[in-house]
Structures are given as structure tokens and as C-alpha cells.
Amino acid sequence: MVLEDTYTSHMVQHAHLEPHAAIAQIDPSGRVMIWTNTQTPYFNRKAIAKVLNLPLTKVRIMGTL
């Protein structure tokens, strides 16, 4: 049996299940390490280095699950 009709639904907004959070640590050499749940670690690394006026080698982003 095949049912054909027009179906509609309300507009929906996707919901992220994880919180937006990060933890940062600066080691004695001045390297910034950030743990965060991100899908764009390289973009975030570049942006944070620029904001903090640091070379990319001084910023490390570690994605969490």
C-alpha cells in the first residue's frame, strides 16, 4: 500500500547536546593549552593566537568528546 499526500511540519531548531565550555592553561613557557568541545580546532587555534597576539606554535587546542 502506498500513501501519497503533502506533509508539513513546524520550523525546528537543532539543539546541541554538549555545553559550550572550555578550560585553558598557560604553562611556564607561555604556551596556551585549551580543552574544548569544538568541531573547528584549527580555526579556533588561529583566532585565539591572533586575539592573544601569540604565534601559532604557542597555542594548542585539544578537542574533547
PDB file of N, CA and C in Angstrom:
ATOM      1  N   MET A   1       0.837  -1.162   0.000  1.00  0.00           N
ATOM      2  CA  MET A   1       0.000   0.000   0.000  1.00  0.00           C
ATOM      3  C   MET A   1       0.899   1.248   0.000  1.00  0.00           C
ATOM      4  N   VAL A   2       0.586   2.240  -0.810  1.00  0.00           N
ATOM      5  CA  VAL A   2       1.323   3.490  -0.901  1.00  0.00           C
ATOM      6  C   VAL A   2       0.379   4.628  -0.549  1.00  0.00           C
ATOM      7  N   LEU A   3       0.822   5.496   0.361  1.00  0.00           N
ATOM      8  CA  LEU A   3       0.032   6.663   0.740  1.00  0.00           C
ATOM      9  C   LEU A   3       0.724   7.895   0.181  1.00  0.00           C
ATOM     10  N   GLU A   4       0.029   8.669  -0.583  1.00  0.00           N
ATOM     11  CA  GLU A   4       0.577   9.898  -1.133  1.00  0.00           C
ATOM     12  C   GLU A   4      -0.227  11.080  -0.631  1.00  0.00           C
ATOM     13  N   ASP A   5       0.489  12.091  -0.153  1.00  0.00           N
ATOM     14  CA  ASP A   5      -0.151  13.291   0.352  1.00  0.00           C
ATOM     15  C   ASP A   5       0.932  14.346   0.545  1.00  0.00           C
ATOM     16  N   THR A   6       0.554  15.523   0.966  1.00  0.00           N
ATOM     17  CA  THR A   6       1.503  16.572   1.278  1.00  0.00           C
ATOM     18  C   THR A   6       1.602  16.663   2.787  1.00  0.00           C
ATOM     19  N   TYR A   7       2.847  16.589   3.298  1.00  0.00           N
ATOM     20  CA  TYR A   7       3.070  16.629   4.735  1.00  0.00           C
ATOM     21  C   TYR A   7       3.890  17.868   5.075  1.00  0.00           C
ATOM     22  N   THR A   8       3.539  18.552   6.138  1.00  0.00           N
ATOM     23  CA  THR A   8       4.286  19.731   6.592  1.00  0.00           C
ATOM     24  C   THR A   8       4.538  19.607   8.084  1.00  0.00           C
ATOM     25  N   SER A   9       5.519  20.354   8.542  1.00  0.00           N
ATOM     26  CA  SER A   9       5.798  20.400   9.976  1.00  0.00           C
ATOM     27  C   SER A   9       6.259  21.814  10.321  1.00  0.00           C
ATOM     28  N   HIS A  10       6.316  22.088  11.591  1.00  0.00           N
ATOM     29  CA  HIS A  10       6.761  23.394  12.055  1.00  0.00           C
ATOM     30  C   HIS A  10       8.265  23.530  11.866  1.00  0.00           C
ATOM     31  N   MET A  11       8.735  24.766  11.799  1.00  0.00           N
ATOM     32  CA  MET A  11      10.156  25.013  11.732  1.00  0.00           C
ATOM     33  C   MET A  11      10.792  24.568  13.050  1.00  0.00           C
ATOM     34  N   VAL A  12      11.951  23.925  12.966  1.00  0.00           N
ATOM     35  CA  VAL A  12      12.635  23.456  14.169  1.00  0.00           C
ATOM     36  C   VAL A  12      14.046  24.018  14.204  1.00  0.00           C
ATOM     37  N   GLN A  13      14.607  24.067  15.381  1.00  0.00           N
ATOM     38  CA  GLN A  13      15.993  24.492  15.584  1.00  0.00           C
ATOM     39  C   GLN A  13      16.735  23.311  16.185  1.00  0.00           C
ATOM     40  N   HIS A  14      17.855  22.961  15.579  1.00  0.00           N
ATOM     41  CA  HIS A  14      18.620  21.851  16.139  1.00  0.00           C
ATOM     42  C   HIS A  14      19.147  22.247  17.518  1.00  0.00           C
ATOM     43  N   ALA A  15      19.356  21.275  18.353  1.00  0.00           N
ATOM     44  CA  ALA A  15      19.826  21.549  19.708  1.00  0.00           C
ATOM     45  C   ALA A  15      21.135  20.807  19.953  1.00  0.00           C
ATOM     46  N   HIS A  16      22.120  21.538  20.428  1.00  0.00           N
ATOM     47  CA  HIS A  16      23.392  20.919  20.773  1.00  0.00           C
ATOM     48  C   HIS A  16      23.241  20.226  22.115  1.00  0.00           C
ATOM     49  N   LEU A  17      23.757  19.018  22.203  1.00  0.00           N
ATOM     50  CA  LEU A  17      23.645  18.283  23.453  1.00  0.00           C
ATOM     51  C   LEU A  17      24.762  18.622  24.425  1.00  0.00           C
ATOM     52  N   GLU A  18      25.887  19.094  23.897  1.00  0.00           N
ATOM     53  CA  GLU A  18      27.001  19.403  24.782  1.00  0.00           C
ATOM     54  C   GLU A  18      26.978  20.870  25.187  1.00  0.00           C
ATOM     55  N   PRO A  19      27.506  21.177  26.349  1.00  0.00           N
ATOM     56  CA  PRO A  19      27.580  22.581  26.750  1.00  0.00           C
ATOM     57  C   PRO A  19      28.707  23.286  26.002  1.00  0.00           C
ATOM     58  N   HIS A  20      28.611  24.590  25.887  1.00  0.00           N
ATOM     59  CA  HIS A  20      29.679  25.387  25.300  1.00  0.00           C
ATOM     60  C   HIS A  20      30.601  25.794  26.442  1.00  0.00           C
ATOM     61  N   ALA A  21      31.743  25.112  26.524  1.00  0.00           N
ATOM     62  CA  ALA A  21      32.662  25.369  27.627  1.00  0.00           C
ATOM     63  C   ALA A  21      34.089  25.107  27.170  1.00  0.00           C
ATOM     64  N   ALA A  22      35.026  25.676  27.886  1.00  0.00           N
ATOM     65  CA  ALA A  22      36.440  25.459  27.603  1.00  0.00           C
ATOM     66  C   ALA A  22      37.234  25.640  28.889  1.00  0.00           C
ATOM     67  N   ILE A  23      38.361  24.958  28.944  1.00  0.00           N
ATOM     68  CA  ILE A  23      39.303  25.110  30.048  1.00  0.00           C
ATOM     69  C   ILE A  23      40.645  25.463  29.424  1.00  0.00           C
ATOM     70  N   ALA A  24      41.302  26.457  29.967  1.00  0.00           N
ATOM     71  CA  ALA A  24      42.595  26.885  29.430  1.00  0.00           C
ATOM     72  C   ALA A  24      43.664  26.824  30.515  1.00  0.00           C
ATOM     73  N   GLN A  25      44.879  26.562  30.061  1.00  0.00           N
ATOM     74  CA  GLN A  25      46.022  26.530  30.969  1.00  0.00           C
ATOM     75  C   GLN A  25      47.217  27.150  30.250  1.00  0.00           C
ATOM     76  N   ILE A  26      47.978  27.926  30.960  1.00  0.00           N
ATOM     77  CA  ILE A  26      49.207  28.506  30.414  1.00  0.00           C
ATOM     78  C   ILE A  26      50.369  27.851  31.146  1.00  0.00           C
ATOM     79  N   ASP A  27      51.264  27.188  30.389  1.00  0.00           N
ATOM     80  CA  ASP A  27      52.398  26.537  31.029  1.00  0.00           C
ATOM     81  C   ASP A  27      53.532  27.544  31.251  1.00  0.00           C
ATOM     82  N   PRO A  28      54.567  27.166  31.983  1.00  0.00           N
ATOM     83  CA  PRO A  28      55.656  28.103  32.308  1.00  0.00           C
ATOM     84  C   PRO A  28      56.345  28.716  31.080  1.00  0.00           C
ATOM     85  N   SER A  29      56.307  28.030  29.935  1.00  0.00           N
ATOM     86  CA  SER A  29      56.949  28.583  28.734  1.00  0.00           C
ATOM     87  C   SER A  29      56.055  29.575  27.996  1.00  0.00           C
ATOM     88  N   GLY A  30      54.809  29.773  28.494  1.00  0.00           N
ATOM     89  CA  GLY A  30      53.882  30.705  27.855  1.00  0.00           C
ATOM     90  C   GLY A  30      52.995  30.069  26.812  1.00  0.00           C
ATOM     91  N   ARG A  31      53.028  28.753  26.722  1.00  0.00           N
ATOM     92  CA  ARG A  31      52.177  28.040  25.770  1.00  0.00           C
ATOM     93  C   ARG A  31      50.765  27.933  26.333  1.00  0.00           C
ATOM     94  N   VAL A  32      49.771  28.270  25.520  1.00  0.00           N
ATOM     95  CA  VAL A  32      48.368  28.218  25.934  1.00  0.00           C
ATOM     96  C   VAL A  32      47.772  26.903  25.457  1.00  0.00           C
ATOM     97  N   MET A  33      47.220  26.132  26.388  1.00  0.00           N
ATOM     98  CA  MET A  33      46.558  24.882  26.049  1.00  0.00           C
ATOM     99  C   MET A  33      45.081  25.026  26.401  1.00  0.00           C
ATOM    100  N   ILE A  34      44.223  24.680  25.452  1.00  0.00           N
ATOM    101  CA  ILE A  34      42.779  24.837  25.650  1.00  0.00           C
ATOM    102  C   ILE A  34      42.094  23.514  25.347  1.00  0.00           C
ATOM    103  N   TRP A  35      41.272  23.064  26.293  1.00  0.00           N
ATOM    104  CA  TRP A  35      40.445  21.879  26.107  1.00  0.00           C
ATOM    105  C   TRP A  35      39.028  22.366  25.866  1.00  0.00           C
ATOM    106  N   THR A  36      38.434  21.955  24.764  1.00  0.00           N
ATOM    107  CA  THR A  36      37.085  22.403  24.430  1.00  0.00           C
ATOM    108  C   THR A  36      36.407  21.408  23.503  1.00  0.00           C
ATOM    109  N   ASN A  37      35.102  21.439  23.478  1.00  0.00           N
ATOM    110  CA  ASN A  37      34.353  20.594  22.545  1.00  0.00           C
ATOM    111  C   ASN A  37      34.086  21.429  21.295  1.00  0.00           C
ATOM    112  N   THR A  38      34.928  21.254  20.292  1.00  0.00           N
ATOM    113  CA  THR A  38      34.830  22.060  19.086  1.00  0.00           C
ATOM    114  C   THR A  38      34.934  21.173  17.853  1.00  0.00           C
ATOM    115  N   GLN A  39      34.320  21.610  16.789  1.00  0.00           N
ATOM    116  CA  GLN A  39      34.434  20.923  15.511  1.00  0.00           C
ATOM    117  C   GLN A  39      35.440  21.625  14.606  1.00  0.00           C
ATOM    118  N   THR A  40      35.978  22.749  15.062  1.00  0.00           N
ATOM    119  CA  THR A  40      36.912  23.522  14.243  1.00  0.00           C
ATOM    120  C   THR A  40      38.146  23.914  15.058  1.00  0.00           C
ATOM    121  N   PRO A  41      38.956  22.944  15.490  1.00  0.00           N
ATOM    122  CA  PRO A  41      40.090  23.283  16.349  1.00  0.00           C
ATOM    123  C   PRO A  41      41.126  24.166  15.662  1.00  0.00           C
ATOM    124  N   TYR A  42      41.364  23.992  14.360  1.00  0.00           N
ATOM    125  CA  TYR A  42      42.386  24.793  13.676  1.00  0.00           C
ATOM    126  C   TYR A  42      41.926  26.240  13.497  1.00  0.00           C
ATOM    127  N   PHE A  43      40.658  26.430  13.218  1.00  0.00           N
ATOM    128  CA  PHE A  43      40.107  27.787  13.133  1.00  0.00           C
ATOM    129  C   PHE A  43      40.204  28.472  14.502  1.00  0.00           C
ATOM    130  N   ASN A  44      39.818  27.754  15.549  1.00  0.00           N
ATOM    131  CA  ASN A  44      39.866  28.322  16.907  1.00  0.00           C
ATOM    132  C   ASN A  44      41.302  28.645  17.310  1.00  0.00           C
ATOM    133  N   ARG A  45      42.230  27.768  16.960  1.00  0.00           N
ATOM    134  CA  ARG A  45      43.642  27.993  17.298  1.00  0.00           C
ATOM    135  C   ARG A  45      44.144  29.292  16.662  1.00  0.00           C
ATOM    136  N   LYS A  46      43.822  29.463  15.389  1.00  0.00           N
ATOM    137  CA  LYS A  46      44.264  30.663  14.680  1.00  0.00           C
ATOM    138  C   LYS A  46      43.639  31.922  15.282  1.00  0.00           C
ATOM    139  N   ALA A  47      42.345  31.869  15.599  1.00  0.00           N
ATOM    140  CA  ALA A  47      41.650  33.030  16.165  1.00  0.00           C
ATOM    141  C   ALA A  47      42.189  33.381  17.550  1.00  0.00           C
ATOM    142  N   ILE A  48      42.433  32.375  18.371  1.00  0.00           N
ATOM    143  CA  ILE A  48      42.932  32.635  19.726  1.00  0.00           C
ATOM    144  C   ILE A  48      44.348  33.185  19.674  1.00  0.00           C
ATOM    145  N   ALA A  49      45.174  32.639  18.796  1.00  0.00           N
ATOM    146  CA  ALA A  49      46.538  33.156  18.650  1.00  0.00           C
ATOM    147  C   ALA A  49      46.522  34.624  18.232  1.00  0.00           C
ATOM    148  N   LYS A  50      45.620  34.973  17.327  1.00  0.00           N
ATOM    149  CA  LYS A  50      45.522  36.356  16.861  1.00  0.00           C
ATOM    150  C   LYS A  50      45.061  37.282  17.991  1.00  0.00           C
ATOM    151  N   VAL A  51      44.033  36.874  18.723  1.00  0.00           N
ATOM    152  CA  VAL A  51      43.493  37.702  19.809  1.00  0.00           C
ATOM    153  C   VAL A  51      44.533  37.901  20.916  1.00  0.00           C
ATOM    154  N   LEU A  52      45.288  36.852  21.219  1.00  0.00           N
ATOM    155  CA  LEU A  52      46.286  36.931  22.285  1.00  0.00           C
ATOM    156  C   LEU A  52      47.643  37.418  21.793  1.00  0.00           C
ATOM    157  N   ASN A  53      47.718  37.695  20.490  1.00  0.00           N
ATOM    158  CA  ASN A  53      48.970  38.160  19.877  1.00  0.00           C
ATOM    159  C   ASN A  53      50.116  37.175  20.134  1.00  0.00           C
ATOM    160  N   LEU A  54      49.834  35.892  19.890  1.00  0.00           N
ATOM    161  CA  LEU A  54      50.813  34.823  20.075  1.00  0.00           C
ATOM    162  C   LEU A  54      51.067  34.123  18.741  1.00  0.00           C
ATOM    163  N   PRO A  55      52.248  33.531  18.572  1.00  0.00           N
ATOM    164  CA  PRO A  55      52.456  32.714  17.375  1.00  0.00           C
ATOM    165  C   PRO A  55      51.644  31.417  17.499  1.00  0.00           C
ATOM    166  N   LEU A  56      51.295  30.819  16.372  1.00  0.00           N
ATOM    167  CA  LEU A  56      50.507  29.579  16.393  1.00  0.00           C
ATOM    168  C   LEU A  56      51.191  28.479  17.195  1.00  0.00           C
ATOM    169  N   THR A  57      52.504  28.486  17.222  1.00  0.00           N
ATOM    170  CA  THR A  57      53.238  27.451  17.952  1.00  0.00           C
ATOM    171  C   THR A  57      53.024  27.523  19.457  1.00  0.00           C
ATOM    172  N   LYS A  58      52.483  28.623  19.946  1.00  0.00           N
ATOM    173  CA  LYS A  58      52.233  28.794  21.386  1.00  0.00           C
ATOM    174  C   LYS A  58      50.793  28.476  21.788  1.00  0.00           C
ATOM    175  N   VAL A  59      49.958  28.046  20.826  1.00  0.00           N
ATOM    176  CA  VAL A  59      48.557  27.746  21.121  1.00  0.00           C
ATOM    177  C   VAL A  59      48.253  26.312  20.706  1.00  0.00           C
ATOM    178  N   ARG A  60      47.662  25.565  21.615  1.00  0.00           N
ATOM    179  CA  ARG A  60      47.259  24.186  21.318  1.00  0.00           C
ATOM    180  C   ARG A  60      45.803  24.000  21.741  1.00  0.00           C
ATOM    181  N   ILE A  61      45.015  23.474  20.813  1.00  0.00           N
ATOM    182  CA  ILE A  61      43.600  23.184  21.086  1.00  0.00           C
ATOM    183  C   ILE A  61      43.440  21.666  21.155  1.00  0.00           C
ATOM    184  N   MET A  62      42.826  21.181  22.224  1.00  0.00           N
ATOM    185  CA  MET A  62      42.570  19.755  22.364  1.00  0.00           C
ATOM    186  C   MET A  62      41.060  19.539  22.414  1.00  0.00           C
ATOM    187  N   GLY A  63      40.534  18.867  21.404  1.00  0.00           N
ATOM    188  CA  GLY A  63      39.104  18.594  21.358  1.00  0.00           C
ATOM    189  C   GLY A  63      38.723  17.512  22.350  1.00  0.00           C
ATOM    190  N   THR A  64      37.582  17.690  22.957  1.00  0.00           N
ATOM    191  CA  THR A  64      37.079  16.699  23.922  1.00  0.00           C
ATOM    192  C   THR A  64      35.852  16.022  23.335  1.00  0.00           C
ATOM    193  N   LEU A  65      35.507  14.938  23.908  1.00  0.00           N
ATOM    194  CA  LEU A  65      34.316  14.197  23.447  1.00  0.00           C
ATOM    195  C   LEU A  65      33.110  14.549  24.261  1.00  0.00           C
TER     196      LEU A  65
END
